Protein backbone atom coordinates (compact mmCIF):
# COMPACT_ATOMS: atom_id res chain seq x y z
CA MET A 1 138.77 105.41 119.01
CA ALA A 2 138.71 103.93 115.53
CA GLY A 3 135.22 103.53 114.12
CA PHE A 4 133.62 105.50 116.95
CA LYS A 5 130.91 107.95 115.92
CA PRO A 6 129.59 110.61 118.24
CA PHE A 7 126.04 110.10 119.47
CA SER A 8 124.89 113.26 117.71
CA GLU A 9 126.32 112.07 114.41
CA LYS A 10 124.67 108.66 114.63
CA THR A 11 121.30 110.11 115.50
CA ALA A 12 121.47 113.08 113.12
CA PRO A 13 119.50 111.45 110.25
CA ARG A 14 116.72 110.42 112.63
CA ALA A 15 116.66 113.88 114.19
CA ARG A 16 116.49 115.52 110.76
CA LEU A 17 113.62 113.22 109.77
CA LEU A 18 111.73 114.05 112.96
CA GLU A 19 112.32 117.75 112.38
CA GLU A 20 111.01 117.44 108.83
CA VAL A 21 107.94 115.50 109.97
CA VAL A 22 107.11 118.27 112.44
CA THR A 23 107.72 120.89 109.75
CA VAL A 24 105.47 119.15 107.21
CA ALA A 25 102.72 118.67 109.79
CA SER A 26 102.91 122.32 110.82
CA LEU A 27 102.94 123.61 107.25
CA GLY A 28 100.05 121.33 106.32
CA ALA A 29 97.90 122.58 109.18
CA VAL A 30 98.73 126.25 108.55
CA ALA A 31 98.12 125.87 104.81
CA THR A 32 94.74 124.30 105.53
CA TYR A 33 93.62 127.04 107.91
CA LEU A 34 94.75 129.70 105.44
CA GLY A 35 93.25 127.78 102.52
CA LEU A 36 89.87 127.53 104.23
CA GLU A 37 89.81 131.31 104.54
CA LEU A 38 90.91 131.93 100.94
CA ALA A 39 88.60 129.24 99.55
CA ALA A 40 85.76 131.73 99.92
CA VAL A 41 87.27 133.36 96.83
CA ASN A 42 87.99 130.12 94.96
CA GLN A 43 87.55 126.60 96.32
CA LEU A 44 90.67 125.38 94.50
CA LEU A 45 92.84 127.57 96.70
CA LEU A 46 92.38 125.18 99.63
CA PRO A 47 93.84 122.05 97.98
CA ALA A 48 96.40 124.14 96.08
CA LEU A 49 97.84 125.60 99.29
CA GLN A 50 97.77 122.20 100.98
CA VAL A 51 99.80 120.66 98.15
CA ALA A 52 102.23 123.59 98.15
CA ALA A 53 103.00 122.77 101.79
CA VAL A 54 104.19 119.23 101.06
CA TYR A 55 105.28 118.93 97.44
CA PRO A 56 108.83 120.34 97.81
CA PHE A 57 109.59 117.79 100.55
CA PHE A 58 107.87 114.99 98.65
CA PHE A 59 109.65 115.68 95.37
CA ARG A 60 113.06 115.97 97.02
CA HIS A 61 112.70 112.53 98.57
CA VAL A 62 111.29 110.96 95.41
CA ARG A 63 114.09 112.39 93.30
CA GLY A 64 116.64 111.15 95.85
CA GLY A 65 115.17 107.64 95.81
CA ARG A 66 113.99 107.82 99.44
CA LEU A 67 110.60 106.40 98.62
CA TRP A 68 109.56 105.23 102.08
CA VAL A 69 110.44 108.63 103.51
CA ALA A 70 108.38 110.25 100.75
CA ALA A 71 105.44 108.02 101.67
CA LEU A 72 105.80 108.85 105.36
CA THR A 73 105.93 112.55 104.50
CA VAL A 74 102.65 112.38 102.61
CA LEU A 75 100.92 110.33 105.31
CA VAL A 76 101.94 112.87 107.98
CA TRP A 77 100.73 115.66 105.72
CA ALA A 78 97.42 113.85 105.15
CA VAL A 79 96.76 113.76 108.89
CA SER A 80 97.78 117.39 109.36
CA VAL A 81 95.43 118.68 106.64
CA SER A 82 92.57 116.44 107.77
CA LEU A 83 92.15 117.70 111.32
CA PRO A 84 91.44 121.37 110.49
CA VAL A 85 88.81 120.43 107.88
CA ILE A 86 87.10 118.06 110.33
CA ALA A 87 87.13 120.78 112.99
CA ALA A 88 85.74 123.37 110.57
CA SER A 89 82.81 121.26 109.39
CA TYR A 90 82.09 120.04 112.92
CA ASN A 91 81.99 123.54 114.39
CA SER A 92 80.63 125.55 111.46
CA ARG A 93 79.14 123.49 108.67
CA GLY A 94 77.54 126.47 106.95
CA TRP A 95 80.85 128.35 106.85
CA ALA A 96 82.85 125.34 105.68
CA SER A 97 80.36 124.09 103.10
CA ALA A 98 81.17 126.86 100.64
CA ARG A 99 84.89 126.17 100.92
CA VAL A 100 85.21 122.42 100.33
CA ILE A 101 84.84 121.04 96.82
CA ASN A 102 82.12 118.36 96.66
CA GLY A 103 81.65 118.55 100.43
CA GLU A 104 77.88 118.87 100.64
CA SER A 105 77.14 116.44 97.81
CA TYR A 106 79.33 113.80 99.48
CA VAL A 107 77.59 114.39 102.83
CA LYS A 108 74.20 113.96 101.14
CA GLU A 109 75.33 110.71 99.50
CA MET A 110 76.77 109.27 102.72
CA PHE A 111 73.85 110.30 104.95
CA GLU A 112 71.42 108.74 102.49
CA TRP A 113 73.43 105.53 102.70
CA ILE A 114 73.47 105.63 106.51
CA ALA A 115 69.70 106.15 106.63
CA THR A 116 68.71 103.53 104.05
CA GLY A 117 71.67 101.22 103.39
CA ARG A 118 71.30 102.02 99.71
CA GLY A 119 73.94 103.65 97.55
CA ALA A 120 77.42 103.23 96.17
CA GLU A 121 79.16 103.03 99.55
CA GLY A 122 78.40 99.33 100.02
CA ASP A 123 77.19 98.19 96.60
CA ILE A 124 80.00 96.91 94.40
CA SER A 125 77.81 97.10 91.32
CA LEU A 126 77.61 100.85 91.88
CA PHE A 127 81.10 101.69 93.13
CA LEU A 128 83.42 99.37 91.18
CA ILE A 129 83.55 101.21 87.85
CA PRO A 130 83.71 104.73 89.36
CA LYS A 131 86.45 103.62 91.76
CA LEU A 132 88.47 101.98 88.98
CA ARG A 133 88.08 105.17 86.97
CA GLU A 134 89.25 107.20 89.97
CA VAL A 135 92.35 105.03 90.43
CA ALA A 136 93.16 105.29 86.71
CA LEU A 137 92.76 109.08 86.74
CA PHE A 138 94.90 109.39 89.87
CA ALA A 139 97.62 107.20 88.33
CA ALA A 140 97.63 109.14 85.06
CA ALA A 141 97.70 112.53 86.80
CA THR A 142 100.52 111.40 89.09
CA ALA A 143 102.65 109.94 86.31
CA ALA A 144 102.18 112.98 84.07
CA SER A 145 103.24 115.47 86.74
CA ALA A 146 105.72 113.59 88.95
CA GLY A 147 103.14 113.52 91.71
CA LEU A 148 101.96 117.13 91.72
CA LEU A 149 98.52 116.59 90.18
CA GLY A 150 98.09 113.34 92.08
CA LEU A 151 98.60 115.19 95.35
CA LEU A 152 96.13 117.85 94.24
CA MET A 153 93.54 115.20 93.46
CA GLY A 154 94.32 113.49 96.76
CA ALA A 155 93.85 116.75 98.66
CA ILE A 156 90.44 117.29 97.06
CA LEU A 157 89.36 113.75 97.95
CA LEU A 158 90.65 114.07 101.52
CA ASN A 159 88.92 117.41 102.01
CA TYR A 160 85.43 116.27 101.13
CA MET A 161 85.84 113.03 103.07
CA ASN A 162 86.98 114.99 106.11
CA TYR A 163 84.18 117.49 105.64
CA TYR A 164 81.76 114.56 105.87
CA VAL A 165 83.53 113.26 109.00
CA GLY A 166 83.09 116.59 110.76
CA VAL A 167 79.40 116.79 109.85
CA LEU A 168 78.93 113.17 110.93
CA LEU A 169 80.51 113.88 114.31
CA ALA A 170 78.16 116.82 114.75
CA HIS A 171 75.24 114.42 114.28
CA ALA A 172 76.42 111.92 116.90
CA LYS A 173 73.80 111.12 119.51
CA PRO A 174 74.63 112.20 123.07
CA GLY A 175 77.10 109.78 124.59
CA TYR A 176 78.12 108.27 121.25
CA LEU A 177 80.70 110.76 119.96
CA LEU A 178 83.61 108.36 120.50
CA GLN A 179 81.83 105.51 118.73
CA VAL A 180 81.00 107.72 115.75
CA ALA A 181 84.58 109.02 115.66
CA LEU A 182 85.91 105.47 115.48
CA LEU A 183 83.48 104.61 112.68
CA SER A 184 83.79 107.86 110.73
CA TRP A 185 86.97 106.90 108.89
CA GLN A 186 86.22 103.34 107.83
CA VAL A 187 89.11 100.89 107.89
CA TYR A 188 88.80 100.34 104.15
CA ALA A 189 89.00 104.09 103.52
CA VAL A 190 92.22 104.26 105.55
CA LEU A 191 93.66 101.37 103.51
CA ARG A 192 92.64 103.22 100.35
CA VAL A 193 94.49 106.37 101.39
CA VAL A 194 97.67 104.43 102.20
CA GLY A 195 97.33 102.53 98.93
CA TYR A 196 97.00 105.78 96.99
CA VAL A 197 100.06 107.18 98.76
CA PHE A 198 102.15 104.13 97.86
CA LEU A 199 100.87 104.23 94.28
CA GLY A 200 101.61 107.94 94.01
CA VAL A 201 105.15 107.60 95.36
CA ALA A 202 105.99 104.70 93.06
CA LEU A 203 104.59 106.35 89.93
CA SER A 204 106.25 109.65 90.80
CA ARG A 205 109.63 107.93 91.07
CA ILE A 206 109.08 106.17 87.74
CA ALA A 207 108.08 109.49 86.16
CA VAL A 208 111.15 111.28 87.54
CA LEU A 209 113.41 108.60 86.06
CA VAL A 210 111.61 108.74 82.72
CA PHE A 211 111.98 112.53 82.62
CA SER A 212 115.68 112.40 83.56
CA GLN A 213 116.84 109.28 81.72
CA ARG A 214 114.41 109.24 78.79
CA ARG A 215 113.63 105.57 79.38
CA LEU A 216 111.34 103.49 81.56
CA VAL A 217 113.05 102.29 84.74
CA VAL A 218 111.15 100.51 87.51
CA GLU A 219 113.39 100.04 90.53
CA ASP A 220 112.86 97.28 93.07
CA GLU A 221 111.57 99.64 95.75
CA ALA A 222 109.10 101.25 93.37
CA ARG A 223 107.97 97.81 92.26
CA ARG A 224 107.35 96.79 95.87
CA LEU A 225 105.36 99.94 96.53
CA LEU A 226 103.26 99.28 93.43
CA LEU A 227 102.52 95.78 94.70
CA TYR A 228 101.59 97.03 98.17
CA ALA A 229 99.40 99.72 96.61
CA LEU A 230 97.50 97.23 94.48
CA VAL A 231 96.96 94.94 97.48
CA LEU A 232 95.67 97.79 99.65
CA ILE A 233 93.37 99.15 96.95
CA ALA A 234 92.03 95.64 96.30
CA LEU A 235 91.41 95.23 100.04
CA ASP A 236 89.55 98.53 100.00
CA PHE A 237 87.21 97.15 97.32
CA VAL A 238 86.69 93.84 99.11
CA LEU A 239 86.04 95.36 102.53
CA LYS A 240 83.87 98.13 101.10
CA ALA A 241 81.72 95.48 99.42
CA THR A 242 81.42 93.34 102.57
CA VAL A 243 81.58 95.33 105.80
CA ALA A 244 80.20 98.71 104.70
CA ASN A 245 76.59 97.53 104.78
CA SER A 246 76.98 94.75 107.34
CA VAL A 247 78.96 96.67 109.98
CA TYR A 248 79.37 100.40 109.40
CA GLN A 249 75.93 101.38 108.11
CA PRO A 250 73.83 99.83 110.90
CA LEU A 251 76.16 101.11 113.62
CA LEU A 252 76.30 104.63 112.20
CA LYS A 253 72.52 104.64 111.85
CA GLU A 254 72.20 103.63 115.51
CA PHE A 255 74.75 106.14 116.82
CA THR A 256 73.73 109.22 114.80
CA GLY A 257 70.56 111.17 114.41
């Protein structure tokens, strides 16, 4: 029949995407488990292996102009590398502490904030400039390397945040593990991660086009992702300045000990 396409042909792109999602998730988890072991030799091996698991897929989609697929790929990867780090710090903090860059110092900072309400987590006068500097560094690293260094920086940030989450869960009071789990990744931190992913994808696409065409080209899809990224990062700042101390800190103080 004219115009008829077999079911398998119509669903092939979706099936390939699902297969790739599963592959990226599996590679991310395996790379993290292996990286945690090898990080005893050098802590950089953990984020390096994590990035190696996703970058070929990410770059292929960015180069092909499939920016939303590239973003989905990184978000799936982010979840897959997060769970093993959380499990490691929850079950064996002493073992994991030597393997995660900035892990213990971030835990100290966050637990001090939970105990006292003081610190950069909820004070815009303390976090604004460092966060703006972080965004600028991430953007520059991403643009200079077509996403490679941005993913490396993102992996380092994710690892010490997830290390803290695991330690936090281990300090949940009896009967409050679920509540602490729901509060451990604050909503503004989730928005920040998605914003960074969108920013990284857009800047990587712009960088690829600059490298290949020797001129600055900002396509409509990249422009939209940049806008969404800026909105999400701005929301992170606003929510961090408002609900961190009014909602998260008192609840975490009540539910942990």
